């Protein structure tokens, strides 16, 4: 899957989790500081992404550095896809 496709999937999933339209994100948009996500909303975001981009997430393997920004989350999703062969 191409990077821009994953960024779009992240934007869509964020809109679902935040229950409002989220547009104009950049890879530098910070998930906690700019979008005010918390640990619960991060888990909801991951569940939405699991369905949207067909990845499997093991909560035990999560590293908070993967959730600093839209770009770092995109990197995480792409690495999960590479691991699962999607």
N, C-alpha and C. Protein backbone atom coordinates (compact mmCIF):
# COMPACT_ATOMS: atom_id res chain seq x y z
N UNK A 1 0.85 -1.18 0.00
CA UNK A 1 0.00 0.00 0.00
C UNK A 1 0.89 1.23 0.00
N UNK A 2 0.50 2.23 -0.77
CA UNK A 2 1.31 3.43 -0.87
C UNK A 2 1.11 4.34 0.34
N UNK A 3 2.13 5.12 0.61
CA UNK A 3 2.13 5.97 1.80
C UNK A 3 0.93 6.92 1.84
N UNK A 4 0.63 7.58 0.72
CA UNK A 4 -0.48 8.54 0.72
C UNK A 4 -1.81 7.85 1.00
N UNK A 5 -1.93 6.59 0.60
CA UNK A 5 -3.15 5.83 0.88
C UNK A 5 -3.29 5.58 2.38
N UNK A 6 -2.19 5.28 3.03
CA UNK A 6 -2.20 5.06 4.48
C UNK A 6 -2.52 6.36 5.21
N UNK A 7 -1.95 7.47 4.76
CA UNK A 7 -2.24 8.77 5.39
C UNK A 7 -3.73 9.07 5.28
N UNK A 8 -4.32 8.79 4.13
CA UNK A 8 -5.77 8.99 3.95
C UNK A 8 -6.56 8.09 4.88
N UNK A 9 -6.12 6.84 5.04
CA UNK A 9 -6.80 5.91 5.96
C UNK A 9 -6.69 6.40 7.39
N UNK A 10 -5.54 6.94 7.77
CA UNK A 10 -5.36 7.50 9.12
C UNK A 10 -6.31 8.68 9.32
N UNK A 11 -6.41 9.55 8.32
CA UNK A 11 -7.31 10.70 8.42
C UNK A 11 -8.76 10.25 8.59
N UNK A 12 -9.17 9.25 7.82
CA UNK A 12 -10.54 8.73 7.92
C UNK A 12 -10.78 8.11 9.29
N UNK A 13 -9.82 7.31 9.76
CA UNK A 13 -9.96 6.67 11.07
C UNK A 13 -10.01 7.71 12.19
N UNK A 14 -9.21 8.76 12.07
CA UNK A 14 -9.23 9.83 13.07
C UNK A 14 -10.60 10.52 13.09
N UNK A 15 -11.18 10.73 11.93
CA UNK A 15 -12.51 11.33 11.87
C UNK A 15 -13.54 10.47 12.58
N UNK A 16 -13.42 9.15 12.41
CA UNK A 16 -14.33 8.22 13.09
C UNK A 16 -14.15 8.28 14.60
N UNK A 17 -12.92 8.22 15.04
CA UNK A 17 -12.62 8.19 16.48
C UNK A 17 -13.01 9.50 17.15
N UNK A 18 -12.71 10.61 16.51
CA UNK A 18 -12.99 11.92 17.10
C UNK A 18 -14.43 12.38 16.87
N UNK A 19 -15.15 11.63 16.05
CA UNK A 19 -16.54 11.93 15.73
C UNK A 19 -16.71 13.34 15.17
N UNK A 20 -15.75 13.73 14.35
CA UNK A 20 -15.81 15.00 13.62
C UNK A 20 -14.88 14.88 12.42
N UNK A 21 -15.15 15.68 11.41
CA UNK A 21 -14.32 15.62 10.22
C UNK A 21 -12.93 16.16 10.53
N UNK A 22 -11.93 15.40 10.14
CA UNK A 22 -10.54 15.82 10.33
C UNK A 22 -9.93 15.94 8.94
N UNK A 23 -9.55 17.15 8.58
CA UNK A 23 -8.96 17.38 7.27
C UNK A 23 -7.71 18.24 7.42
N UNK A 24 -6.94 18.29 6.36
CA UNK A 24 -5.77 19.14 6.36
C UNK A 24 -4.63 18.65 7.22
N UNK A 25 -4.62 17.36 7.52
CA UNK A 25 -3.53 16.81 8.31
C UNK A 25 -2.25 16.79 7.51
N UNK A 26 -1.15 16.98 8.20
CA UNK A 26 0.16 16.77 7.59
C UNK A 26 0.83 15.65 8.37
N UNK A 27 1.93 15.17 7.86
CA UNK A 27 2.63 14.11 8.58
C UNK A 27 3.21 14.61 9.90
N UNK A 28 3.29 15.92 10.06
CA UNK A 28 3.81 16.50 11.30
C UNK A 28 2.72 16.76 12.34
N UNK A 29 1.45 16.55 11.97
CA UNK A 29 0.36 16.76 12.92
C UNK A 29 0.53 15.79 14.08
N UNK A 30 0.60 16.34 15.29
CA UNK A 30 0.81 15.52 16.49
C UNK A 30 -0.51 14.97 17.01
N UNK A 31 -0.53 13.68 17.30
CA UNK A 31 -1.76 13.02 17.69
C UNK A 31 -2.24 13.46 19.07
N UNK A 32 -1.35 13.60 20.01
CA UNK A 32 -1.74 13.97 21.38
C UNK A 32 -1.90 15.48 21.53
N UNK A 33 -0.89 16.23 21.12
CA UNK A 33 -0.90 17.67 21.35
C UNK A 33 -1.86 18.41 20.43
N UNK A 34 -1.87 18.07 19.14
CA UNK A 34 -2.69 18.81 18.18
C UNK A 34 -4.12 18.29 18.10
N UNK A 35 -4.28 16.97 18.16
CA UNK A 35 -5.61 16.38 18.00
C UNK A 35 -6.23 15.96 19.33
N UNK A 36 -5.47 16.07 20.42
CA UNK A 36 -5.96 15.79 21.77
C UNK A 36 -6.43 14.35 21.96
N UNK A 37 -5.72 13.41 21.35
CA UNK A 37 -6.03 12.00 21.58
C UNK A 37 -5.50 11.58 22.94
N UNK A 38 -6.10 10.53 23.49
CA UNK A 38 -5.60 9.93 24.72
C UNK A 38 -5.39 8.44 24.45
N UNK A 39 -4.99 7.70 25.47
CA UNK A 39 -4.67 6.29 25.26
C UNK A 39 -5.88 5.49 24.77
N UNK A 40 -7.05 5.82 25.25
CA UNK A 40 -8.26 5.12 24.81
C UNK A 40 -8.54 5.41 23.34
N UNK A 41 -8.42 6.66 22.95
CA UNK A 41 -8.69 6.99 21.55
C UNK A 41 -7.62 6.42 20.62
N UNK A 42 -6.40 6.26 21.10
CA UNK A 42 -5.36 5.61 20.29
C UNK A 42 -5.75 4.16 20.02
N UNK A 43 -6.26 3.46 21.03
CA UNK A 43 -6.70 2.07 20.83
C UNK A 43 -7.86 2.01 19.85
N UNK A 44 -8.80 2.95 19.96
CA UNK A 44 -9.92 3.01 19.00
C UNK A 44 -9.40 3.27 17.59
N UNK A 45 -8.42 4.14 17.48
CA UNK A 45 -7.81 4.45 16.19
C UNK A 45 -7.16 3.21 15.59
N UNK A 46 -6.44 2.47 16.41
CA UNK A 46 -5.80 1.25 15.92
C UNK A 46 -6.82 0.22 15.47
N UNK A 47 -7.92 0.09 16.19
CA UNK A 47 -8.96 -0.86 15.77
C UNK A 47 -9.55 -0.45 14.43
N UNK A 48 -9.78 0.85 14.25
CA UNK A 48 -10.30 1.34 12.97
C UNK A 48 -9.30 1.08 11.85
N UNK A 49 -8.02 1.28 12.13
CA UNK A 49 -6.99 1.05 11.11
C UNK A 49 -6.82 -0.43 10.79
N UNK A 50 -6.99 -1.29 11.80
CA UNK A 50 -6.90 -2.73 11.55
C UNK A 50 -7.89 -3.13 10.46
N UNK A 51 -9.10 -2.60 10.54
CA UNK A 51 -10.12 -2.92 9.54
C UNK A 51 -9.83 -2.23 8.21
N UNK A 52 -9.41 -0.99 8.26
CA UNK A 52 -9.25 -0.18 7.04
C UNK A 52 -8.08 -0.63 6.18
N UNK A 53 -6.97 -0.99 6.81
CA UNK A 53 -5.76 -1.31 6.03
C UNK A 53 -5.28 -2.74 6.26
N UNK A 54 -6.13 -3.53 6.90
CA UNK A 54 -5.87 -4.96 7.08
C UNK A 54 -4.53 -5.25 7.74
N UNK A 55 -4.36 -4.65 8.92
CA UNK A 55 -3.18 -4.97 9.73
C UNK A 55 -3.66 -5.62 11.01
N UNK A 56 -2.74 -6.26 11.70
CA UNK A 56 -3.04 -6.84 13.00
C UNK A 56 -2.11 -6.19 14.02
N UNK A 57 -2.70 -5.68 15.09
CA UNK A 57 -1.93 -4.96 16.10
C UNK A 57 -1.93 -5.75 17.40
N UNK A 58 -0.75 -5.98 17.94
CA UNK A 58 -0.61 -6.61 19.25
C UNK A 58 -0.32 -5.49 20.26
N UNK A 59 -1.25 -5.21 21.16
CA UNK A 59 -1.05 -4.11 22.11
C UNK A 59 0.25 -4.23 22.92
N UNK A 60 0.73 -5.43 23.11
CA UNK A 60 1.97 -5.63 23.87
C UNK A 60 3.19 -5.08 23.12
N UNK A 61 3.08 -4.97 21.80
CA UNK A 61 4.22 -4.52 20.99
C UNK A 61 4.20 -3.03 20.69
N UNK A 62 3.24 -2.31 21.24
CA UNK A 62 3.10 -0.90 20.91
C UNK A 62 4.19 -0.07 21.58
N UNK A 63 4.68 0.91 20.84
CA UNK A 63 5.68 1.85 21.34
C UNK A 63 5.11 3.26 21.14
N UNK A 64 5.06 4.05 22.17
CA UNK A 64 4.45 5.37 22.08
C UNK A 64 5.10 6.26 21.03
N UNK A 65 6.36 6.00 20.69
CA UNK A 65 7.01 6.79 19.64
C UNK A 65 6.31 6.62 18.30
N UNK A 66 5.61 5.50 18.11
CA UNK A 66 4.88 5.26 16.87
C UNK A 66 3.64 6.14 16.76
N UNK A 67 3.27 6.80 17.83
CA UNK A 67 2.03 7.57 17.87
C UNK A 67 2.26 9.05 18.16
N UNK A 68 3.43 9.53 17.87
CA UNK A 68 3.75 10.94 18.10
C UNK A 68 3.04 11.84 17.08
N UNK A 69 2.98 11.37 15.82
CA UNK A 69 2.43 12.20 14.74
C UNK A 69 1.77 11.33 13.69
N UNK A 70 1.09 11.97 12.76
CA UNK A 70 0.49 11.24 11.65
C UNK A 70 1.58 10.50 10.88
N UNK A 71 2.73 11.12 10.69
CA UNK A 71 3.83 10.49 9.97
C UNK A 71 4.37 9.26 10.67
N UNK A 72 4.56 9.34 11.98
CA UNK A 72 5.09 8.18 12.71
C UNK A 72 4.06 7.05 12.75
N UNK A 73 2.78 7.39 12.83
CA UNK A 73 1.74 6.37 12.78
C UNK A 73 1.69 5.73 11.40
N UNK A 74 1.86 6.52 10.36
CA UNK A 74 1.90 5.98 9.00
C UNK A 74 3.07 5.02 8.85
N UNK A 75 4.24 5.39 9.38
CA UNK A 75 5.40 4.49 9.35
C UNK A 75 5.08 3.18 10.06
N UNK A 76 4.41 3.27 11.20
CA UNK A 76 4.04 2.07 11.96
C UNK A 76 3.12 1.18 11.14
N UNK A 77 2.09 1.76 10.53
CA UNK A 77 1.14 0.98 9.74
C UNK A 77 1.85 0.30 8.57
N UNK A 78 2.71 1.05 7.88
CA UNK A 78 3.45 0.47 6.76
C UNK A 78 4.35 -0.67 7.21
N UNK A 79 4.97 -0.54 8.38
CA UNK A 79 5.83 -1.62 8.89
C UNK A 79 5.00 -2.84 9.26
N UNK A 80 3.80 -2.62 9.82
CA UNK A 80 2.91 -3.74 10.15
C UNK A 80 2.45 -4.45 8.88
N UNK A 81 2.19 -3.69 7.83
CA UNK A 81 1.79 -4.29 6.56
C UNK A 81 2.93 -5.12 5.98
N UNK A 82 4.14 -4.59 6.07
CA UNK A 82 5.29 -5.32 5.55
C UNK A 82 5.50 -6.62 6.31
N UNK A 83 5.29 -6.58 7.62
CA UNK A 83 5.44 -7.76 8.46
C UNK A 83 4.40 -8.82 8.13
N UNK A 84 3.17 -8.35 7.85
CA UNK A 84 2.09 -9.30 7.58
C UNK A 84 2.00 -9.68 6.11
N UNK A 85 2.80 -9.02 5.27
CA UNK A 85 2.81 -9.37 3.86
C UNK A 85 1.67 -8.79 3.05
N UNK A 86 1.03 -7.74 3.57
CA UNK A 86 -0.09 -7.11 2.84
C UNK A 86 0.46 -6.23 1.75
